Amino acid sequence: MPFKLPLSVRNLLKATKFWQENYIFLREFKYFPKVVILALVFSFLAATFEGVGIGFLLSFLQSLTNPDAAPIQTGIGWFDV
C-alpha cells in the first residue's frame, strides 16, 4: 500500500529549496524505498562502528606509548580478559 501525500503538501514540498537541490536523490524514494532506507541504516551503522573502532585503536596506541598506564577497560568482563 503506497503512501500518498495530499496534493497541497506535495506542492509545498516541491517548492522548497531542499527539494529543488536534491530532487535526483529524493525521487529514488518513489521507486526504491526499501533500498534507500537500508542504505541509510547501513551507512549509520558503518559510521558508528568506525567511531568505536577508532576509539579502541586510540586507547590501545596510547597504552603502547605509556607503559605505566592502566590497561584498557571496556566494562565487559569477557572482553577485558
PDB file of N, CA and C in Angstrom:
ATOM      1  N   MET A   1       0.834  -1.173   0.000  1.00  0.00           N
ATOM      2  CA  MET A   1       0.000   0.000   0.000  1.00  0.00           C
ATOM      3  C   MET A   1       0.888   1.249   0.000  1.00  0.00           C
ATOM      4  N   PRO A   2       1.023   1.919  -1.125  1.00  0.00           N
ATOM      5  CA  PRO A   2       1.853   3.119  -1.180  1.00  0.00           C
ATOM      6  C   PRO A   2       1.234   4.268  -0.399  1.00  0.00           C
ATOM      7  N   PHE A   3       2.101   5.052   0.176  1.00  0.00           N
ATOM      8  CA  PHE A   3       1.673   6.206   0.969  1.00  0.00           C
ATOM      9  C   PHE A   3       1.596   7.419   0.059  1.00  0.00           C
ATOM     10  N   LYS A   4       0.439   8.075   0.014  1.00  0.00           N
ATOM     11  CA  LYS A   4       0.243   9.258  -0.826  1.00  0.00           C
ATOM     12  C   LYS A   4       0.073  10.486   0.054  1.00  0.00           C
ATOM     13  N   LEU A   5       0.835  11.519  -0.256  1.00  0.00           N
ATOM     14  CA  LEU A   5       0.682  12.791   0.436  1.00  0.00           C
ATOM     15  C   LEU A   5      -0.433  13.594  -0.225  1.00  0.00           C
ATOM     16  N   PRO A   6      -1.123  14.404   0.543  1.00  0.00           N
ATOM     17  CA  PRO A   6      -2.133  15.278  -0.071  1.00  0.00           C
ATOM     18  C   PRO A   6      -1.469  16.226  -1.085  1.00  0.00           C
ATOM     19  N   LEU A   7      -2.228  16.647  -2.064  1.00  0.00           N
ATOM     20  CA  LEU A   7      -1.703  17.484  -3.139  1.00  0.00           C
ATOM     21  C   LEU A   7      -1.107  18.791  -2.617  1.00  0.00           C
ATOM     22  N   SER A   8      -1.740  19.406  -1.637  1.00  0.00           N
ATOM     23  CA  SER A   8      -1.228  20.674  -1.102  1.00  0.00           C
ATOM     24  C   SER A   8       0.127  20.485  -0.428  1.00  0.00           C
ATOM     25  N   VAL A   9       0.293  19.390   0.293  1.00  0.00           N
ATOM     26  CA  VAL A   9       1.571  19.113   0.956  1.00  0.00           C
ATOM     27  C   VAL A   9       2.637  18.804  -0.090  1.00  0.00           C
ATOM     28  N   ARG A  10       2.279  18.048  -1.108  1.00  0.00           N
ATOM     29  CA  ARG A  10       3.222  17.716  -2.173  1.00  0.00           C
ATOM     30  C   ARG A  10       3.710  18.978  -2.891  1.00  0.00           C
ATOM     31  N   ASN A  11       2.796  19.881  -3.195  1.00  0.00           N
ATOM     32  CA  ASN A  11       3.187  21.123  -3.869  1.00  0.00           C
ATOM     33  C   ASN A  11       4.061  21.993  -2.978  1.00  0.00           C
ATOM     34  N   LEU A  12       3.766  22.009  -1.691  1.00  0.00           N
ATOM     35  CA  LEU A  12       4.582  22.778  -0.748  1.00  0.00           C
ATOM     36  C   LEU A  12       6.000  22.217  -0.664  1.00  0.00           C
ATOM     37  N   LEU A  13       6.118  20.894  -0.614  1.00  0.00           N
ATOM     38  CA  LEU A  13       7.435  20.272  -0.550  1.00  0.00           C
ATOM     39  C   LEU A  13       8.242  20.527  -1.818  1.00  0.00           C
ATOM     40  N   LYS A  14       7.597  20.474  -2.976  1.00  0.00           N
ATOM     41  CA  LYS A  14       8.302  20.698  -4.235  1.00  0.00           C
ATOM     42  C   LYS A  14       8.760  22.141  -4.392  1.00  0.00           C
ATOM     43  N   ALA A  15       8.134  23.059  -3.683  1.00  0.00           N
ATOM     44  CA  ALA A  15       8.505  24.469  -3.768  1.00  0.00           C
ATOM     45  C   ALA A  15       9.696  24.808  -2.874  1.00  0.00           C
ATOM     46  N   THR A  16      10.072  23.913  -1.961  1.00  0.00           N
ATOM     47  CA  THR A  16      11.181  24.212  -1.054  1.00  0.00           C
ATOM     48  C   THR A  16      12.512  24.084  -1.771  1.00  0.00           C
ATOM     49  N   LYS A  17      13.494  24.793  -1.274  1.00  0.00           N
ATOM     50  CA  LYS A  17      14.829  24.771  -1.872  1.00  0.00           C
ATOM     51  C   LYS A  17      15.489  23.395  -1.676  1.00  0.00           C
ATOM     52  N   PHE A  18      15.219  22.749  -0.551  1.00  0.00           N
ATOM     53  CA  PHE A  18      15.785  21.418  -0.294  1.00  0.00           C
ATOM     54  C   PHE A  18      15.362  20.435  -1.376  1.00  0.00           C
ATOM     55  N   TRP A  19      14.091  20.453  -1.738  1.00  0.00           N
ATOM     56  CA  TRP A  19      13.599  19.533  -2.758  1.00  0.00           C
ATOM     57  C   TRP A  19      14.221  19.846  -4.114  1.00  0.00           C
ATOM     58  N   GLN A  20      14.320  21.122  -4.444  1.00  0.00           N
ATOM     59  CA  GLN A  20      14.853  21.512  -5.747  1.00  0.00           C
ATOM     60  C   GLN A  20      16.322  21.146  -5.888  1.00  0.00           C
ATOM     61  N   GLU A  21      17.085  21.244  -4.819  1.00  0.00           N
ATOM     62  CA  GLU A  21      18.514  20.933  -4.887  1.00  0.00           C
ATOM     63  C   GLU A  21      18.789  19.435  -4.840  1.00  0.00           C
ATOM     64  N   ASN A  22      17.906  18.657  -4.232  1.00  0.00           N
ATOM     65  CA  ASN A  22      18.139  17.226  -4.048  1.00  0.00           C
ATOM     66  C   ASN A  22      17.104  16.351  -4.748  1.00  0.00           C
ATOM     67  N   TYR A  23      16.508  16.836  -5.787  1.00  0.00           N
ATOM     68  CA  TYR A  23      15.440  16.111  -6.453  1.00  0.00           C
ATOM     69  C   TYR A  23      15.911  14.767  -6.994  1.00  0.00           C
ATOM     70  N   ILE A  24      17.113  14.712  -7.531  1.00  0.00           N
ATOM     71  CA  ILE A  24      17.625  13.462  -8.115  1.00  0.00           C
ATOM     72  C   ILE A  24      17.685  12.365  -7.062  1.00  0.00           C
ATOM     73  N   PHE A  25      18.105  12.718  -5.847  1.00  0.00           N
ATOM     74  CA  PHE A  25      18.221  11.723  -4.790  1.00  0.00           C
ATOM     75  C   PHE A  25      16.878  11.391  -4.151  1.00  0.00           C
ATOM     76  N   LEU A  26      16.076  12.418  -3.941  1.00  0.00           N
ATOM     77  CA  LEU A  26      14.805  12.203  -3.244  1.00  0.00           C
ATOM     78  C   LEU A  26      13.795  11.431  -4.080  1.00  0.00           C
ATOM     79  N   ARG A  27      13.886  11.514  -5.395  1.00  0.00           N
ATOM     80  CA  ARG A  27      12.920  10.784  -6.221  1.00  0.00           C
ATOM     81  C   ARG A  27      13.156   9.269  -6.174  1.00  0.00           C
ATOM     82  N   GLU A  28      14.326   8.849  -5.705  1.00  0.00           N
ATOM     83  CA  GLU A  28      14.599   7.414  -5.586  1.00  0.00           C
ATOM     84  C   GLU A  28      13.724   6.764  -4.521  1.00  0.00           C
ATOM     85  N   PHE A  29      13.231   7.547  -3.565  1.00  0.00           N
ATOM     86  CA  PHE A  29      12.301   7.016  -2.574  1.00  0.00           C
ATOM     87  C   PHE A  29      11.047   6.462  -3.242  1.00  0.00           C
ATOM     88  N   LYS A  30      10.673   7.032  -4.356  1.00  0.00           N
ATOM     89  CA  LYS A  30       9.464   6.615  -5.055  1.00  0.00           C
ATOM     90  C   LYS A  30       9.613   5.203  -5.625  1.00  0.00           C
ATOM     91  N   TYR A  31      10.781   4.895  -6.158  1.00  0.00           N
ATOM     92  CA  TYR A  31      10.974   3.615  -6.837  1.00  0.00           C
ATOM     93  C   TYR A  31      11.625   2.551  -5.959  1.00  0.00           C
ATOM     94  N   PHE A  32      12.523   2.960  -5.078  1.00  0.00           N
ATOM     95  CA  PHE A  32      13.267   2.001  -4.251  1.00  0.00           C
ATOM     96  C   PHE A  32      13.266   2.410  -2.787  1.00  0.00           C
ATOM     97  N   PRO A  33      12.123   2.472  -2.127  1.00  0.00           N
ATOM     98  CA  PRO A  33      12.124   2.965  -0.741  1.00  0.00           C
ATOM     99  C   PRO A  33      12.887   2.056   0.215  1.00  0.00           C
ATOM    100  N   LYS A  34      12.778   0.757   0.049  1.00  0.00           N
ATOM    101  CA  LYS A  34      13.468  -0.160   0.970  1.00  0.00           C
ATOM    102  C   LYS A  34      14.977  -0.081   0.788  1.00  0.00           C
ATOM    103  N   VAL A  35      15.420   0.034  -0.455  1.00  0.00           N
ATOM    104  CA  VAL A  35      16.850   0.106  -0.724  1.00  0.00           C
ATOM    105  C   VAL A  35      17.439   1.393  -0.151  1.00  0.00           C
ATOM    106  N   VAL A  36      16.722   2.492  -0.302  1.00  0.00           N
ATOM    107  CA  VAL A  36      17.206   3.768   0.220  1.00  0.00           C
ATOM    108  C   VAL A  36      17.268   3.734   1.746  1.00  0.00           C
ATOM    109  N   ILE A  37      16.261   3.190   2.383  1.00  0.00           N
ATOM    110  CA  ILE A  37      16.250   3.112   3.847  1.00  0.00           C
ATOM    111  C   ILE A  37      17.362   2.195   4.343  1.00  0.00           C
ATOM    112  N   LEU A  38      17.559   1.056   3.678  1.00  0.00           N
ATOM    113  CA  LEU A  38      18.652   0.159   4.067  1.00  0.00           C
ATOM    114  C   LEU A  38      20.010   0.824   3.870  1.00  0.00           C
ATOM    115  N   ALA A  39      20.171   1.573   2.806  1.00  0.00           N
ATOM    116  CA  ALA A  39      21.434   2.281   2.575  1.00  0.00           C
ATOM    117  C   ALA A  39      21.704   3.283   3.682  1.00  0.00           C
ATOM    118  N   LEU A  40      20.682   4.003   4.111  1.00  0.00           N
ATOM    119  CA  LEU A  40      20.859   4.964   5.204  1.00  0.00           C
ATOM    120  C   LEU A  40      21.181   4.265   6.521  1.00  0.00           C
ATOM    121  N   VAL A  41      20.489   3.164   6.800  1.00  0.00           N
ATOM    122  CA  VAL A  41      20.731   2.424   8.052  1.00  0.00           C
ATOM    123  C   VAL A  41      22.144   1.861   8.079  1.00  0.00           C
ATOM    124  N   PHE A  42      22.572   1.239   6.972  1.00  0.00           N
ATOM    125  CA  PHE A  42      23.913   0.653   6.951  1.00  0.00           C
ATOM    126  C   PHE A  42      25.004   1.728   6.971  1.00  0.00           C
ATOM    127  N   SER A  43      24.744   2.887   6.393  1.00  0.00           N
ATOM    128  CA  SER A  43      25.710   3.988   6.472  1.00  0.00           C
ATOM    129  C   SER A  43      25.859   4.461   7.914  1.00  0.00           C
ATOM    130  N   PHE A  44      24.734   4.565   8.616  1.00  0.00           N
ATOM    131  CA  PHE A  44      24.781   4.966  10.019  1.00  0.00           C
ATOM    132  C   PHE A  44      25.525   3.926  10.861  1.00  0.00           C
ATOM    133  N   LEU A  45      25.256   2.642  10.624  1.00  0.00           N
ATOM    134  CA  LEU A  45      25.945   1.589  11.375  1.00  0.00           C
ATOM    135  C   LEU A  45      27.446   1.596  11.086  1.00  0.00           C
ATOM    136  N   ALA A  46      27.824   1.792   9.840  1.00  0.00           N
ATOM    137  CA  ALA A  46      29.244   1.828   9.486  1.00  0.00           C
ATOM    138  C   ALA A  46      29.948   2.984  10.182  1.00  0.00           C
ATOM    139  N   ALA A  47      29.309   4.136  10.215  1.00  0.00           N
ATOM    140  CA  ALA A  47      29.911   5.292  10.890  1.00  0.00           C
ATOM    141  C   ALA A  47      30.034   5.042  12.389  1.00  0.00           C
ATOM    142  N   THR A  48      29.040   4.391  12.969  1.00  0.00           N
ATOM    143  CA  THR A  48      29.090   4.090  14.400  1.00  0.00           C
ATOM    144  C   THR A  48      30.217   3.115  14.716  1.00  0.00           C
ATOM    145  N   PHE A  49      30.316   2.038  13.946  1.00  0.00           N
ATOM    146  CA  PHE A  49      31.377   1.061  14.191  1.00  0.00           C
ATOM    147  C   PHE A  49      32.762   1.650  13.930  1.00  0.00           C
ATOM    148  N   GLU A  50      32.852   2.548  12.973  1.00  0.00           N
ATOM    149  CA  GLU A  50      34.141   3.196  12.717  1.00  0.00           C
ATOM    150  C   GLU A  50      34.544   4.046  13.914  1.00  0.00           C
ATOM    151  N   GLY A  51      33.598   4.758  14.499  1.00  0.00           N
ATOM    152  CA  GLY A  51      33.892   5.568  15.672  1.00  0.00           C
ATOM    153  C   GLY A  51      34.329   4.728  16.852  1.00  0.00           C
ATOM    154  N   VAL A  52      33.653   3.602  17.063  1.00  0.00           N
ATOM    155  CA  VAL A  52      34.028   2.697  18.161  1.00  0.00           C
ATOM    156  C   VAL A  52      35.409   2.109  17.903  1.00  0.00           C
ATOM    157  N   GLY A  53      35.665   1.701  16.669  1.00  0.00           N
ATOM    158  CA  GLY A  53      36.969   1.115  16.323  1.00  0.00           C
ATOM    159  C   GLY A  53      38.103   2.102  16.513  1.00  0.00           C
ATOM    160  N   ILE A  54      37.893   3.347  16.108  1.00  0.00           N
ATOM    161  CA  ILE A  54      38.935   4.358  16.278  1.00  0.00           C
ATOM    162  C   ILE A  54      39.165   4.630  17.760  1.00  0.00           C
ATOM    163  N   GLY A  55      38.095   4.616  18.546  1.00  0.00           N
ATOM    164  CA  GLY A  55      38.254   4.816  19.990  1.00  0.00           C
ATOM    165  C   GLY A  55      39.101   3.730  20.628  1.00  0.00           C
ATOM    166  N   PHE A  56      38.852   2.466  20.259  1.00  0.00           N
ATOM    167  CA  PHE A  56      39.660   1.363  20.791  1.00  0.00           C
ATOM    168  C   PHE A  56      41.099   1.450  20.293  1.00  0.00           C
ATOM    169  N   LEU A  57      41.274   1.802  19.036  1.00  0.00           N
ATOM    170  CA  LEU A  57      42.616   1.907  18.475  1.00  0.00           C
ATOM    171  C   LEU A  57      43.418   3.012  19.158  1.00  0.00           C
ATOM    172  N   LEU A  58      42.790   4.145  19.395  1.00  0.00           N
ATOM    173  CA  LEU A  58      43.499   5.241  20.050  1.00  0.00           C
ATOM    174  C   LEU A  58      43.894   4.888  21.477  1.00  0.00           C
ATOM    175  N   SER A  59      42.999   4.241  22.205  1.00  0.00           N
ATOM    176  CA  SER A  59      43.355   3.871  23.581  1.00  0.00           C
ATOM    177  C   SER A  59      44.440   2.796  23.588  1.00  0.00           C
ATOM    178  N   PHE A  60      44.439   1.889  22.615  1.00  0.00           N
ATOM    179  CA  PHE A  60      45.485   0.866  22.515  1.00  0.00           C
ATOM    180  C   PHE A  60      46.834   1.507  22.199  1.00  0.00           C
ATOM    181  N   LEU A  61      46.852   2.425  21.250  1.00  0.00           N
ATOM    182  CA  LEU A  61      48.110   3.080  20.889  1.00  0.00           C
ATOM    183  C   LEU A  61      48.632   3.948  22.029  1.00  0.00           C
ATOM    184  N   GLN A  62      47.735   4.555  22.771  1.00  0.00           N
ATOM    185  CA  GLN A  62      48.158   5.373  23.904  1.00  0.00           C
ATOM    186  C   GLN A  62      48.782   4.499  24.989  1.00  0.00           C
ATOM    187  N   SER A  63      48.259   3.283  25.174  1.00  0.00           N
ATOM    188  CA  SER A  63      48.846   2.394  26.178  1.00  0.00           C
ATOM    189  C   SER A  63      50.215   1.880  25.727  1.00  0.00           C
ATOM    190  N   LEU A  64      50.467   1.845  24.416  1.00  0.00           N
ATOM    191  CA  LEU A  64      51.793   1.433  23.944  1.00  0.00           C
ATOM    192  C   LEU A  64      52.840   2.505  24.202  1.00  0.00           C
ATOM    193  N   THR A  65      52.441   3.761  24.098  1.00  0.00           N
ATOM    194  CA  THR A  65      53.406   4.849  24.292  1.00  0.00           C
ATOM    195  C   THR A  65      53.663   5.131  25.766  1.00  0.00           C
ATOM    196  N   ASN A  66      52.748   4.742  26.640  1.00  0.00           N
ATOM    197  CA  ASN A  66      52.912   4.980  28.072  1.00  0.00           C
ATOM    198  C   ASN A  66      52.791   3.631  28.784  1.00  0.00           C
ATOM    199  N   PRO A  67      53.893   2.957  29.062  1.00  0.00           N
ATOM    200  CA  PRO A  67      53.817   1.616  29.656  1.00  0.00           C
ATOM    201  C   PRO A  67      53.265   1.594  31.076  1.00  0.00           C
ATOM    202  N   ASP A  68      53.272   2.726  31.781  1.00  0.00           N
ATOM    203  CA  ASP A  68      52.767   2.769  33.152  1.00  0.00           C
ATOM    204  C   ASP A  68      51.257   2.992  33.203  1.00  0.00           C
ATOM    205  N   ALA A  69      50.634   3.165  32.064  1.00  0.00           N
ATOM    206  CA  ALA A  69      49.193   3.434  32.027  1.00  0.00           C
ATOM    207  C   ALA A  69      48.417   2.171  32.391  1.00  0.00           C
ATOM    208  N   ALA A  70      47.226   2.387  32.927  1.00  0.00           N
ATOM    209  CA  ALA A  70      46.364   1.257  33.278  1.00  0.00           C
ATOM    210  C   ALA A  70      45.890   0.556  32.004  1.00  0.00           C
ATOM    211  N   PRO A  71      45.630  -0.748  32.092  1.00  0.00           N
ATOM    212  CA  PRO A  71      45.159  -1.455  30.904  1.00  0.00           C
ATOM    213  C   PRO A  71      43.786  -0.951  30.465  1.00  0.00           C
ATOM    214  N   ILE A  72      43.467  -1.191  29.221  1.00  0.00           N
ATOM    215  CA  ILE A  72      42.188  -0.748  28.652  1.00  0.00           C
ATOM    216  C   ILE A  72      41.050  -1.528  29.302  1.00  0.00           C
ATOM    217  N   GLN A  73      40.050  -0.824  29.803  1.00  0.00           N
ATOM    218  CA  GLN A  73      38.886  -1.448  30.420  1.00  0.00           C
ATOM    219  C   GLN A  73      37.633  -1.016  29.665  1.00  0.00           C
ATOM    220  N   THR A  74      36.879  -1.983  29.152  1.00  0.00           N
ATOM    221  CA  THR A  74      35.647  -1.662  28.425  1.00  0.00           C
ATOM    222  C   THR A  74      34.416  -1.797  29.307  1.00  0.00           C
ATOM    223  N   GLY A  75      34.524  -2.565  30.389  1.00  0.00           N
ATOM    224  CA  GLY A  75      33.371  -2.798  31.247  1.00  0.00           C
ATOM    225  C   GLY A  75      32.670  -4.106  30.923  1.00  0.00           C
ATOM    226  N   ILE A  76      33.112  -4.786  29.884  1.00  0.00           N
ATOM    227  CA  ILE A  76      32.563  -6.087  29.505  1.00  0.00           C
ATOM    228  C   ILE A  76      33.575  -7.130  29.968  1.00  0.00           C
ATOM    229  N   GLY A  77      33.173  -7.945  30.928  1.00  0.00           N
ATOM    230  CA  GLY A  77      34.101  -8.870  31.582  1.00  0.00           C
ATOM    231  C   GLY A  77      34.818  -9.803  30.630  1.00  0.00           C
ATOM    232  N   TRP A  78      34.113 -10.454  29.746  1.00  0.00           N
ATOM    233  CA  TRP A  78      34.746 -11.440  28.860  1.00  0.00           C
ATOM    234  C   TRP A  78      35.633 -10.746  27.812  1.00  0.00           C
ATOM    235  N   PHE A  79      35.387  -9.470  27.551  1.00  0.00           N
ATOM    236  CA  PHE A  79      36.178  -8.746  26.573  1.00  0.00           C
ATOM    237  C   PHE A  79      37.471  -8.208  27.211  1.00  0.00           C
ATOM    238  N   ASP A  80      37.391  -7.843  28.482  1.00  0.00           N
ATOM    239  CA  ASP A  80      38.551  -7.281  29.167  1.00  0.00           C
ATOM    240  C   ASP A  80      39.608  -8.325  29.493  1.00  0.00           C
ATOM    241  N   VAL A  81      39.241  -9.584  29.522  1.00  0.00           N
ATOM    242  CA  VAL A  81      40.220 -10.637  29.813  1.00  0.00           C
ATOM    243  C   VAL A  81      41.178 -10.712  28.650  1.00  0.00           C
TER     244      VAL A  81
END
